[in-house]
Amino acid sequence: MARVLLAVRILAQDPDTDLDALSNELREKLPQGFKLLSISREAVAFGLESLVAWFSVPEEEGVTEKLESYLTSINGVGEFNVEAMSRTSE
């Protein structure tokens, strides 16, 4: 079954949000079938940082809505944007 790799930039809701705690919560609440491959910090501007998370998700209908639901359910997530997408086989 094919899978899709997604790079998602995640901005915190508040500049004072603890990004380490946010990263941990992202790992703990993964939907079934999702894999968090890596997560890193990247500078945005003026000392602000974002998280860039790489997910492997099943290639199936409705998976983007599932990703959106998952991210909006995480406390502290402000905005997010899918920056890269690629199909892969497993």
Protein backbone atom coordinates (compact mmCIF):
# COMPACT_ATOMS: atom_id res chain seq x y z
CA MET A 1 0.00 0.00 0.00
CA ALA A 2 1.33 3.42 -0.89
CA ARG A 3 1.88 6.14 1.67
CA VAL A 4 2.23 9.89 1.45
CA LEU A 5 5.03 11.90 3.06
CA LEU A 6 4.02 15.35 4.26
CA ALA A 7 6.18 18.18 5.57
CA VAL A 8 4.03 20.44 7.73
CA ARG A 9 5.14 23.81 9.15
CA ILE A 10 3.43 24.42 12.47
CA LEU A 11 3.25 27.82 14.13
CA ALA A 12 2.39 28.10 17.81
CA GLN A 13 -0.74 29.90 18.88
CA ASP A 14 1.27 32.13 21.22
CA PRO A 15 4.93 33.26 20.99
CA ASP A 16 5.48 31.99 24.56
CA THR A 17 4.32 28.43 23.77
CA ASP A 18 6.83 25.77 24.82
CA LEU A 19 7.76 24.12 21.51
CA ASP A 20 9.22 21.08 23.27
CA ALA A 21 5.90 20.43 25.01
CA LEU A 22 4.09 20.99 21.71
CA SER A 23 6.40 18.46 19.99
CA ASN A 24 5.69 15.89 22.70
CA GLU A 25 1.95 16.38 22.37
CA LEU A 26 2.19 15.93 18.60
CA ARG A 27 3.94 12.60 19.16
CA GLU A 28 1.49 11.38 21.80
CA LYS A 29 -1.77 12.05 19.93
CA LEU A 30 -1.03 10.61 16.49
CA PRO A 31 -4.07 9.23 14.69
CA GLN A 32 -4.05 5.55 13.78
CA GLY A 33 -2.01 4.93 10.63
CA PHE A 34 0.01 8.15 10.99
CA LYS A 35 3.75 8.07 11.67
CA LEU A 36 5.75 11.09 12.83
CA LEU A 37 9.11 10.63 11.10
CA SER A 38 10.86 13.73 12.41
CA ILE A 39 10.25 17.11 13.93
CA SER A 40 12.62 20.08 13.97
CA ARG A 41 12.66 23.77 14.78
CA GLU A 42 13.20 26.47 12.19
CA ALA A 43 13.61 30.19 12.67
CA VAL A 44 10.75 32.31 11.34
CA ALA A 45 11.64 35.94 12.19
CA PHE A 46 12.55 38.15 15.11
CA GLY A 47 13.44 35.23 17.38
CA LEU A 48 10.26 33.27 16.64
CA GLU A 49 10.51 29.62 15.71
CA SER A 50 8.20 27.14 14.03
CA LEU A 51 8.13 23.38 13.99
CA VAL A 52 8.55 21.38 10.80
CA ALA A 53 7.08 17.90 11.16
CA TRP A 54 7.43 15.09 8.62
CA PHE A 55 4.53 12.66 8.63
CA SER A 56 3.97 9.40 6.80
CA VAL A 57 0.25 8.90 6.27
CA PRO A 58 -1.80 6.28 4.41
CA GLU A 59 -2.74 7.15 0.85
CA GLU A 60 -6.49 7.14 1.26
CA GLU A 61 -9.42 9.42 0.74
CA GLY A 62 -9.98 11.93 3.57
CA VAL A 63 -6.46 11.76 4.98
CA THR A 64 -5.91 15.54 4.66
CA GLU A 65 -9.08 16.20 6.66
CA LYS A 66 -7.84 13.72 9.26
CA LEU A 67 -4.50 15.58 9.42
CA GLU A 68 -6.27 18.92 9.80
CA SER A 69 -8.50 17.56 12.58
CA TYR A 70 -5.49 16.10 14.36
CA LEU A 71 -3.49 19.34 14.24
CA THR A 72 -6.36 21.57 15.32
CA SER A 73 -7.00 19.27 18.29
CA ILE A 74 -3.50 19.87 19.67
CA ASN A 75 -3.42 22.58 22.34
CA GLY A 76 -1.02 25.36 21.32
CA VAL A 77 -1.13 24.85 17.54
CA GLY A 78 -1.93 28.14 15.84
CA GLU A 79 -1.45 27.86 12.10
CA PHE A 80 -0.05 25.07 9.95
CA ASN A 81 0.80 24.67 6.31
CA VAL A 82 1.69 21.61 4.24
CA GLU A 83 4.97 22.58 2.59
CA ALA A 84 5.85 19.36 0.79
CA MET A 85 4.07 16.21 -0.28
CA SER A 86 5.41 13.07 -1.92
CA ARG A 87 4.05 9.62 -2.62
CA THR A 88 6.11 6.63 -1.51
CA SER A 89 5.71 2.88 -1.26
CA GLU A 90 6.15 1.01 1.97
